[in-house]
């Protein structure tokens, strides 16, 4: 998907800064799947994995507490980097 902007439609804001835009480009991952549908499938899979572990503690989880912690650390670092780039 691509959209072009002209005239007053080019003025917008992002990261609390005024921007002059001329085009919007939509990127996909190649699977042709909507983001929310993929997110729903991943969430169902994660819950199934957790429920299997609750039912049988010998089940090896694909996602555990460490994954959540590591993801949070990575997101925090990405946010810090993004804000440093915008300064």
PDB file of N, CA and C in Angstrom:
ATOM      1  N   UNK A   1       0.838  -1.173   0.000  1.00  0.00           N
ATOM      2  CA  UNK A   1       0.000   0.000   0.000  1.00  0.00           C
ATOM      3  C   UNK A   1       0.889   1.244   0.000  1.00  0.00           C
ATOM      4  N   UNK A   2       0.578   2.173  -0.843  1.00  0.00           N
ATOM      5  CA  UNK A   2       1.299   3.430  -0.892  1.00  0.00           C
ATOM      6  C   UNK A   2       0.292   4.564  -1.022  1.00  0.00           C
ATOM      7  N   UNK A   3       0.529   5.630  -0.293  1.00  0.00           N
ATOM      8  CA  UNK A   3      -0.326   6.820  -0.390  1.00  0.00           C
ATOM      9  C   UNK A   3       0.593   8.027  -0.527  1.00  0.00           C
ATOM     10  N   UNK A   4       0.183   8.978  -1.337  1.00  0.00           N
ATOM     11  CA  UNK A   4       0.967  10.194  -1.541  1.00  0.00           C
ATOM     12  C   UNK A   4       0.213  11.375  -0.965  1.00  0.00           C
ATOM     13  N   UNK A   5       0.949  12.335  -0.419  1.00  0.00           N
ATOM     14  CA  UNK A   5       0.363  13.518   0.199  1.00  0.00           C
ATOM     15  C   UNK A   5       0.889  14.764  -0.489  1.00  0.00           C
ATOM     16  N   UNK A   6       0.014  15.745  -0.607  1.00  0.00           N
ATOM     17  CA  UNK A   6       0.398  17.018  -1.220  1.00  0.00           C
ATOM     18  C   UNK A   6      -0.251  18.155  -0.450  1.00  0.00           C
ATOM     19  N   UNK A   7       0.288  19.348  -0.632  1.00  0.00           N
ATOM     20  CA  UNK A   7      -0.287  20.535  -0.017  1.00  0.00           C
ATOM     21  C   UNK A   7      -0.319  20.463   1.500  1.00  0.00           C
ATOM     22  N   UNK A   8      -1.425  20.895   2.084  1.00  0.00           N
ATOM     23  CA  UNK A   8      -1.558  20.933   3.542  1.00  0.00           C
ATOM     24  C   UNK A   8      -1.573  19.538   4.164  1.00  0.00           C
ATOM     25  N   UNK A   9      -1.914  18.526   3.388  1.00  0.00           N
ATOM     26  CA  UNK A   9      -1.956  17.157   3.905  1.00  0.00           C
ATOM     27  C   UNK A   9      -0.564  16.631   4.265  1.00  0.00           C
ATOM     28  N   UNK A  10       0.482  17.326   3.805  1.00  0.00           N
ATOM     29  CA  UNK A  10       1.846  16.884   4.100  1.00  0.00           C
ATOM     30  C   UNK A  10       2.268  17.209   5.519  1.00  0.00           C
ATOM     31  N   UNK A  11       1.607  18.169   6.164  1.00  0.00           N
ATOM     32  CA  UNK A  11       1.996  18.585   7.517  1.00  0.00           C
ATOM     33  C   UNK A  11       1.412  17.627   8.552  1.00  0.00           C
ATOM     34  N   UNK A  12       2.288  17.079   9.401  1.00  0.00           N
ATOM     35  CA  UNK A  12       1.839  16.213  10.483  1.00  0.00           C
ATOM     36  C   UNK A  12       2.872  16.276  11.603  1.00  0.00           C
ATOM     37  N   UNK A  13       2.626  15.545  12.655  1.00  0.00           N
ATOM     38  CA  UNK A  13       3.579  15.493  13.767  1.00  0.00           C
ATOM     39  C   UNK A  13       3.898  14.045  14.093  1.00  0.00           C
ATOM     40  N   UNK A  14       5.080  13.838  14.601  1.00  0.00           N
ATOM     41  CA  UNK A  14       5.522  12.519  15.051  1.00  0.00           C
ATOM     42  C   UNK A  14       6.608  12.716  16.084  1.00  0.00           C
ATOM     43  N   UNK A  15       6.532  11.963  17.147  1.00  0.00           N
ATOM     44  CA  UNK A  15       7.474  12.129  18.246  1.00  0.00           C
ATOM     45  C   UNK A  15       7.503  13.583  18.726  1.00  0.00           C
ATOM     46  N   UNK A  16       6.345  14.214  18.729  1.00  0.00           N
ATOM     47  CA  UNK A  16       6.163  15.599  19.201  1.00  0.00           C
ATOM     48  C   UNK A  16       6.969  16.611  18.380  1.00  0.00           C
ATOM     49  N   UNK A  17       7.214  16.285  17.120  1.00  0.00           N
ATOM     50  CA  UNK A  17       7.922  17.203  16.222  1.00  0.00           C
ATOM     51  C   UNK A  17       7.102  17.383  14.960  1.00  0.00           C
ATOM     52  N   UNK A  18       7.186  18.574  14.368  1.00  0.00           N
ATOM     53  CA  UNK A  18       6.499  18.826  13.106  1.00  0.00           C
ATOM     54  C   UNK A  18       7.252  18.134  11.976  1.00  0.00           C
ATOM     55  N   UNK A  19       6.493  17.474  11.106  1.00  0.00           N
ATOM     56  CA  UNK A  19       7.087  16.757   9.981  1.00  0.00           C
ATOM     57  C   UNK A  19       6.427  17.178   8.680  1.00  0.00           C
ATOM     58  N   UNK A  20       7.187  17.112   7.604  1.00  0.00           N
ATOM     59  CA  UNK A  20       6.668  17.350   6.264  1.00  0.00           C
ATOM     60  C   UNK A  20       6.780  16.021   5.525  1.00  0.00           C
ATOM     61  N   UNK A  21       5.655  15.348   5.326  1.00  0.00           N
ATOM     62  CA  UNK A  21       5.665  14.031   4.699  1.00  0.00           C
ATOM     63  C   UNK A  21       5.107  14.120   3.290  1.00  0.00           C
ATOM     64  N   UNK A  22       5.488  13.192   2.447  1.00  0.00           N
ATOM     65  CA  UNK A  22       4.960  13.179   1.083  1.00  0.00           C
ATOM     66  C   UNK A  22       4.441  11.801   0.680  1.00  0.00           C
ATOM     67  N   UNK A  23       4.781  10.760   1.490  1.00  0.00           N
ATOM     68  CA  UNK A  23       4.360   9.419   1.091  1.00  0.00           C
ATOM     69  C   UNK A  23       4.256   8.514   2.321  1.00  0.00           C
ATOM     70  N   UNK A  24       3.290   7.597   2.287  1.00  0.00           N
ATOM     71  CA  UNK A  24       3.180   6.549   3.287  1.00  0.00           C
ATOM     72  C   UNK A  24       3.327   5.220   2.556  1.00  0.00           C
ATOM     73  N   UNK A  25       4.181   4.373   3.091  1.00  0.00           N
ATOM     74  CA  UNK A  25       4.422   3.071   2.480  1.00  0.00           C
ATOM     75  C   UNK A  25       4.060   2.002   3.499  1.00  0.00           C
ATOM     76  N   UNK A  26       3.236   1.053   3.117  1.00  0.00           N
ATOM     77  CA  UNK A  26       2.879  -0.060   3.990  1.00  0.00           C
ATOM     78  C   UNK A  26       3.809  -1.236   3.746  1.00  0.00           C
ATOM     79  N   UNK A  27       4.350  -1.793   4.799  1.00  0.00           N
ATOM     80  CA  UNK A  27       5.246  -2.938   4.698  1.00  0.00           C
ATOM     81  C   UNK A  27       4.540  -4.170   5.250  1.00  0.00           C
ATOM     82  N   UNK A  28       4.758  -5.305   4.622  1.00  0.00           N
ATOM     83  CA  UNK A  28       4.203  -6.554   5.117  1.00  0.00           C
ATOM     84  C   UNK A  28       5.334  -7.563   5.268  1.00  0.00           C
ATOM     85  N   UNK A  29       5.047  -8.616   6.005  1.00  0.00           N
ATOM     86  CA  UNK A  29       6.066  -9.635   6.234  1.00  0.00           C
ATOM     87  C   UNK A  29       6.064 -10.714   5.167  1.00  0.00           C
ATOM     88  N   UNK A  30       5.168 -10.601   4.217  1.00  0.00           N
ATOM     89  CA  UNK A  30       5.132 -11.567   3.127  1.00  0.00           C
ATOM     90  C   UNK A  30       4.165 -12.709   3.355  1.00  0.00           C
ATOM     91  N   UNK A  31       3.601 -12.820   4.547  1.00  0.00           N
ATOM     92  CA  UNK A  31       2.667 -13.903   4.815  1.00  0.00           C
ATOM     93  C   UNK A  31       1.245 -13.546   4.399  1.00  0.00           C
ATOM     94  N   UNK A  32       0.987 -12.285   4.112  1.00  0.00           N
ATOM     95  CA  UNK A  32      -0.344 -11.849   3.729  1.00  0.00           C
ATOM     96  C   UNK A  32      -1.337 -11.948   4.866  1.00  0.00           C
ATOM     97  N   UNK A  33      -0.848 -11.884   6.081  1.00  0.00           N
ATOM     98  CA  UNK A  33      -1.681 -12.060   7.260  1.00  0.00           C
ATOM     99  C   UNK A  33      -1.808 -10.726   7.996  1.00  0.00           C
ATOM    100  N   UNK A  34      -3.007 -10.427   8.471  1.00  0.00           N
ATOM    101  CA  UNK A  34      -3.197  -9.202   9.231  1.00  0.00           C
ATOM    102  C   UNK A  34      -2.474  -9.312  10.569  1.00  0.00           C
ATOM    103  N   UNK A  35      -1.908  -8.199  11.015  1.00  0.00           N
ATOM    104  CA  UNK A  35      -1.140  -8.174  12.249  1.00  0.00           C
ATOM    105  C   UNK A  35      -1.962  -8.690  13.432  1.00  0.00           C
ATOM    106  N   UNK A  36      -3.208  -8.249  13.566  1.00  0.00           N
ATOM    107  CA  UNK A  36      -4.027  -8.658  14.697  1.00  0.00           C
ATOM    108  C   UNK A  36      -4.355 -10.152  14.648  1.00  0.00           C
ATOM    109  N   UNK A  37      -4.508 -10.714  13.450  1.00  0.00           N
ATOM    110  CA  UNK A  37      -4.761 -12.155  13.341  1.00  0.00           C
ATOM    111  C   UNK A  37      -3.527 -12.940  13.780  1.00  0.00           C
ATOM    112  N   UNK A  38      -2.364 -12.480  13.362  1.00  0.00           N
ATOM    113  CA  UNK A  38      -1.111 -13.140  13.756  1.00  0.00           C
ATOM    114  C   UNK A  38      -0.906 -13.028  15.262  1.00  0.00           C
ATOM    115  N   UNK A  39      -1.186 -11.842  15.807  1.00  0.00           N
ATOM    116  CA  UNK A  39      -1.047 -11.633  17.243  1.00  0.00           C
ATOM    117  C   UNK A  39      -1.977 -12.588  17.998  1.00  0.00           C
ATOM    118  N   UNK A  40      -3.209 -12.739  17.541  1.00  0.00           N
ATOM    119  CA  UNK A  40      -4.162 -13.639  18.180  1.00  0.00           C
ATOM    120  C   UNK A  40      -3.683 -15.079  18.162  1.00  0.00           C
ATOM    121  N   UNK A  41      -3.140 -15.512  17.033  1.00  0.00           N
ATOM    122  CA  UNK A  41      -2.629 -16.881  16.924  1.00  0.00           C
ATOM    123  C   UNK A  41      -1.448 -17.097  17.867  1.00  0.00           C
ATOM    124  N   UNK A  42      -0.566 -16.115  17.952  1.00  0.00           N
ATOM    125  CA  UNK A  42       0.586 -16.230  18.858  1.00  0.00           C
ATOM    126  C   UNK A  42       0.144 -16.259  20.311  1.00  0.00           C
ATOM    127  N   UNK A  43      -0.836 -15.442  20.659  1.00  0.00           N
ATOM    128  CA  UNK A  43      -1.344 -15.412  22.027  1.00  0.00           C
ATOM    129  C   UNK A  43      -2.000 -16.746  22.396  1.00  0.00           C
ATOM    130  N   UNK A  44      -2.799 -17.304  21.463  1.00  0.00           N
ATOM    131  CA  UNK A  44      -3.419 -18.618  21.713  1.00  0.00           C
ATOM    132  C   UNK A  44      -2.340 -19.692  21.920  1.00  0.00           C
ATOM    133  N   UNK A  45      -1.317 -19.667  21.095  1.00  0.00           N
ATOM    134  CA  UNK A  45      -0.237 -20.639  21.206  1.00  0.00           C
ATOM    135  C   UNK A  45       0.472 -20.510  22.548  1.00  0.00           C
ATOM    136  N   UNK A  46       0.722 -19.288  22.972  1.00  0.00           N
ATOM    137  CA  UNK A  46       1.382 -19.060  24.247  1.00  0.00           C
ATOM    138  C   UNK A  46       0.524 -19.576  25.401  1.00  0.00           C
ATOM    139  N   UNK A  47      -0.786 -19.300  25.359  1.00  0.00           N
ATOM    140  CA  UNK A  47      -1.668 -19.764  26.418  1.00  0.00           C
ATOM    141  C   UNK A  47      -1.767 -21.288  26.434  1.00  0.00           C
ATOM    142  N   UNK A  48      -1.826 -21.918  25.276  1.00  0.00           N
ATOM    143  CA  UNK A  48      -1.841 -23.381  25.207  1.00  0.00           C
ATOM    144  C   UNK A  48      -0.583 -23.965  25.837  1.00  0.00           C
ATOM    145  N   UNK A  49       0.552 -23.341  25.569  1.00  0.00           N
ATOM    146  CA  UNK A  49       1.828 -23.779  26.131  1.00  0.00           C
ATOM    147  C   UNK A  49       1.808 -23.660  27.654  1.00  0.00           C
ATOM    148  N   UNK A  50       1.318 -22.536  28.161  1.00  0.00           N
ATOM    149  CA  UNK A  50       1.263 -22.324  29.604  1.00  0.00           C
ATOM    150  C   UNK A  50       0.295 -23.300  30.276  1.00  0.00           C
ATOM    151  N   UNK A  51      -0.870 -23.529  29.650  1.00  0.00           N
ATOM    152  CA  UNK A  51      -1.846 -24.468  30.207  1.00  0.00           C
ATOM    153  C   UNK A  51      -1.296 -25.894  30.227  1.00  0.00           C
ATOM    154  N   UNK A  52      -0.533 -26.253  29.197  1.00  0.00           N
ATOM    155  CA  UNK A  52       0.094 -27.573  29.165  1.00  0.00           C
ATOM    156  C   UNK A  52       1.076 -27.717  30.325  1.00  0.00           C
ATOM    157  N   UNK A  53       1.803 -26.641  30.640  1.00  0.00           N
ATOM    158  CA  UNK A  53       2.757 -26.664  31.743  1.00  0.00           C
ATOM    159  C   UNK A  53       2.039 -26.753  33.083  1.00  0.00           C
ATOM    160  N   UNK A  54       0.900 -26.055  33.217  1.00  0.00           N
ATOM    161  CA  UNK A  54       0.125 -26.124  34.459  1.00  0.00           C
ATOM    162  C   UNK A  54      -0.401 -27.547  34.670  1.00  0.00           C
ATOM    163  N   UNK A  55      -0.862 -28.182  33.609  1.00  0.00           N
ATOM    164  CA  UNK A  55      -1.390 -29.545  33.698  1.00  0.00           C
ATOM    165  C   UNK A  55      -0.291 -30.577  33.942  1.00  0.00           C
ATOM    166  N   UNK A  56       0.905 -30.313  33.401  1.00  0.00           N
ATOM    167  CA  UNK A  56       2.011 -31.260  33.512  1.00  0.00           C
ATOM    168  C   UNK A  56       3.305 -30.475  33.658  1.00  0.00           C
ATOM    169  N   UNK A  57       3.810 -30.406  34.881  1.00  0.00           N
ATOM    170  CA  UNK A  57       5.016 -29.603  35.137  1.00  0.00           C
ATOM    171  C   UNK A  57       6.258 -30.149  34.441  1.00  0.00           C
ATOM    172  N   UNK A  58       6.172 -31.311  33.855  1.00  0.00           N
ATOM    173  CA  UNK A  58       7.295 -31.838  33.069  1.00  0.00           C
ATOM    174  C   UNK A  58       7.330 -31.244  31.664  1.00  0.00           C
ATOM    175  N   UNK A  59       6.215 -30.611  31.271  1.00  0.00           N
ATOM    176  CA  UNK A  59       6.154 -29.956  29.957  1.00  0.00           C
ATOM    177  C   UNK A  59       7.189 -28.832  29.915  1.00  0.00           C
ATOM    178  N   UNK A  60       7.992 -28.806  28.879  1.00  0.00           N
ATOM    179  CA  UNK A  60       8.999 -27.750  28.725  1.00  0.00           C
ATOM    180  C   UNK A  60       8.351 -26.594  27.978  1.00  0.00           C
ATOM    181  N   UNK A  61       8.214 -25.451  28.670  1.00  0.00           N
ATOM    182  CA  UNK A  61       7.570 -24.291  28.065  1.00  0.00           C
ATOM    183  C   UNK A  61       8.466 -23.647  27.014  1.00  0.00           C
ATOM    184  N   UNK A  62       7.832 -23.149  25.970  1.00  0.00           N
ATOM    185  CA  UNK A  62       8.563 -22.406  24.934  1.00  0.00           C
ATOM    186  C   UNK A  62       8.868 -21.002  25.421  1.00  0.00           C
ATOM    187  N   UNK A  63       7.963 -20.474  26.230  1.00  0.00           N
ATOM    188  CA  UNK A  63       8.125 -19.123  26.777  1.00  0.00           C
ATOM    189  C   UNK A  63       8.013 -19.204  28.296  1.00  0.00           C
ATOM    190  N   UNK A  64       9.030 -18.696  28.986  1.00  0.00           N
ATOM    191  CA  UNK A  64       9.039 -18.698  30.444  1.00  0.00           C
ATOM    192  C   UNK A  64       9.314 -17.283  30.947  1.00  0.00           C
ATOM    193  N   UNK A  65       9.427 -17.142  32.243  1.00  0.00           N
ATOM    194  CA  UNK A  65       9.616 -15.831  32.857  1.00  0.00           C
ATOM    195  C   UNK A  65      10.828 -15.091  32.295  1.00  0.00           C
ATOM    196  N   UNK A  66      11.878 -15.840  32.029  1.00  0.00           N
ATOM    197  CA  UNK A  66      13.106 -15.220  31.510  1.00  0.00           C
ATOM    198  C   UNK A  66      12.862 -14.531  30.170  1.00  0.00           C
ATOM    199  N   UNK A  67      12.014 -15.122  29.327  1.00  0.00           N
ATOM    200  CA  UNK A  67      11.704 -14.510  28.034  1.00  0.00           C
ATOM    201  C   UNK A  67      11.050 -13.146  28.224  1.00  0.00           C
ATOM    202  N   UNK A  68      10.123 -13.071  29.170  1.00  0.00           N
ATOM    203  CA  UNK A  68       9.444 -11.805  29.450  1.00  0.00           C
ATOM    204  C   UNK A  68      10.418 -10.749  29.930  1.00  0.00           C
ATOM    205  N   UNK A  69      11.300 -11.148  30.869  1.00  0.00           N
ATOM    206  CA  UNK A  69      12.305 -10.216  31.381  1.00  0.00           C
ATOM    207  C   UNK A  69      13.234  -9.739  30.265  1.00  0.00           C
ATOM    208  N   UNK A  70      13.718 -10.671  29.458  1.00  0.00           N
ATOM    209  CA  UNK A  70      14.638 -10.316  28.375  1.00  0.00           C
ATOM    210  C   UNK A  70      13.956  -9.409  27.346  1.00  0.00           C
ATOM    211  N   UNK A  71      12.682  -9.677  27.057  1.00  0.00           N
ATOM    212  CA  UNK A  71      11.935  -8.836  26.114  1.00  0.00           C
ATOM    213  C   UNK A  71      11.774  -7.427  26.643  1.00  0.00           C
ATOM    214  N   UNK A  72      11.504  -7.306  27.940  1.00  0.00           N
ATOM    215  CA  UNK A  72      11.358  -5.988  28.554  1.00  0.00           C
ATOM    216  C   UNK A  72      12.675  -5.217  28.496  1.00  0.00           C
ATOM    217  N   UNK A  73      13.782  -5.877  28.780  1.00  0.00           N
ATOM    218  CA  UNK A  73      15.099  -5.230  28.703  1.00  0.00           C
ATOM    219  C   UNK A  73      15.366  -4.738  27.281  1.00  0.00           C
ATOM    220  N   UNK A  74      15.042  -5.577  26.289  1.00  0.00           N
ATOM    221  CA  UNK A  74      15.263  -5.203  24.894  1.00  0.00           C
ATOM    222  C   UNK A  74      14.369  -4.029  24.485  1.00  0.00           C
ATOM    223  N   UNK A  75      13.107  -4.057  24.910  1.00  0.00           N
ATOM    224  CA  UNK A  75      12.188  -2.962  24.585  1.00  0.00           C
ATOM    225  C   UNK A  75      12.653  -1.663  25.228  1.00  0.00           C
ATOM    226  N   UNK A  76      13.127  -1.731  26.460  1.00  0.00           N
ATOM    227  CA  UNK A  76      13.619  -0.537  27.168  1.00  0.00           C
ATOM    228  C   UNK A  76      14.819   0.047  26.418  1.00  0.00           C
ATOM    229  N   UNK A  77      15.738  -0.805  26.009  1.00  0.00           N
ATOM    230  CA  UNK A  77      16.926  -0.344  25.281  1.00  0.00           C
ATOM    231  C   UNK A  77      16.529   0.271  23.938  1.00  0.00           C
ATOM    232  N   UNK A  78      15.571  -0.338  23.234  1.00  0.00           N
ATOM    233  CA  UNK A  78      15.112   0.200  21.951  1.00  0.00           C
ATOM    234  C   UNK A  78      14.459   1.562  22.140  1.00  0.00           C
ATOM    235  N   UNK A  79      13.673   1.712  23.211  1.00  0.00           N
ATOM    236  CA  UNK A  79      13.034   2.995  23.498  1.00  0.00           C
ATOM    237  C   UNK A  79      14.073   4.070  23.804  1.00  0.00           C
ATOM    238  N   UNK A  80      15.061   3.719  24.594  1.00  0.00           N
ATOM    239  CA  UNK A  80      16.143   4.660  24.908  1.00  0.00           C
ATOM    240  C   UNK A  80      16.877   5.086  23.635  1.00  0.00           C
ATOM    241  N   UNK A  81      17.162   4.130  22.766  1.00  0.00           N
ATOM    242  CA  UNK A  81      17.856   4.427  21.513  1.00  0.00           C
ATOM    243  C   UNK A  81      17.005   5.324  20.623  1.00  0.00           C
ATOM    244  N   UNK A  82      15.717   5.016  20.523  1.00  0.00           N
ATOM    245  CA  UNK A  82      14.815   5.828  19.691  1.00  0.00           C
ATOM    246  C   UNK A  82      14.747   7.257  20.207  1.00  0.00           C
ATOM    247  N   UNK A  83      14.672   7.432  21.516  1.00  0.00           N
ATOM    248  CA  UNK A  83      14.607   8.782  22.057  1.00  0.00           C
ATOM    249  C   UNK A  83      15.938   9.514  21.883  1.00  0.00           C
ATOM    250  N   UNK A  84      17.043   8.787  21.959  1.00  0.00           N
ATOM    251  CA  UNK A  84      18.348   9.411  21.742  1.00  0.00           C
ATOM    252  C   UNK A  84      18.482   9.883  20.287  1.00  0.00           C
ATOM    253  N   UNK A  85      17.962   9.097  19.339  1.00  0.00           N
ATOM    254  CA  UNK A  85      18.018   9.432  17.928  1.00  0.00           C
ATOM    255  C   UNK A  85      17.158  10.652  17.618  1.00  0.00           C
ATOM    256  N   UNK A  86      16.052  10.821  18.349  1.00  0.00           N
ATOM    257  CA  UNK A  86      15.116  11.917  18.097  1.00  0.00           C
ATOM    258  C   UNK A  86      15.596  13.233  18.712  1.00  0.00           C
ATOM    259  N   UNK A  87      16.585  13.158  19.607  1.00  0.00           N
ATOM    260  CA  UNK A  87      17.072  14.374  20.274  1.00  0.00           C
ATOM    261  C   UNK A  87      17.995  15.173  19.404  1.00  0.00           C
TER     262      UNK A  87
END
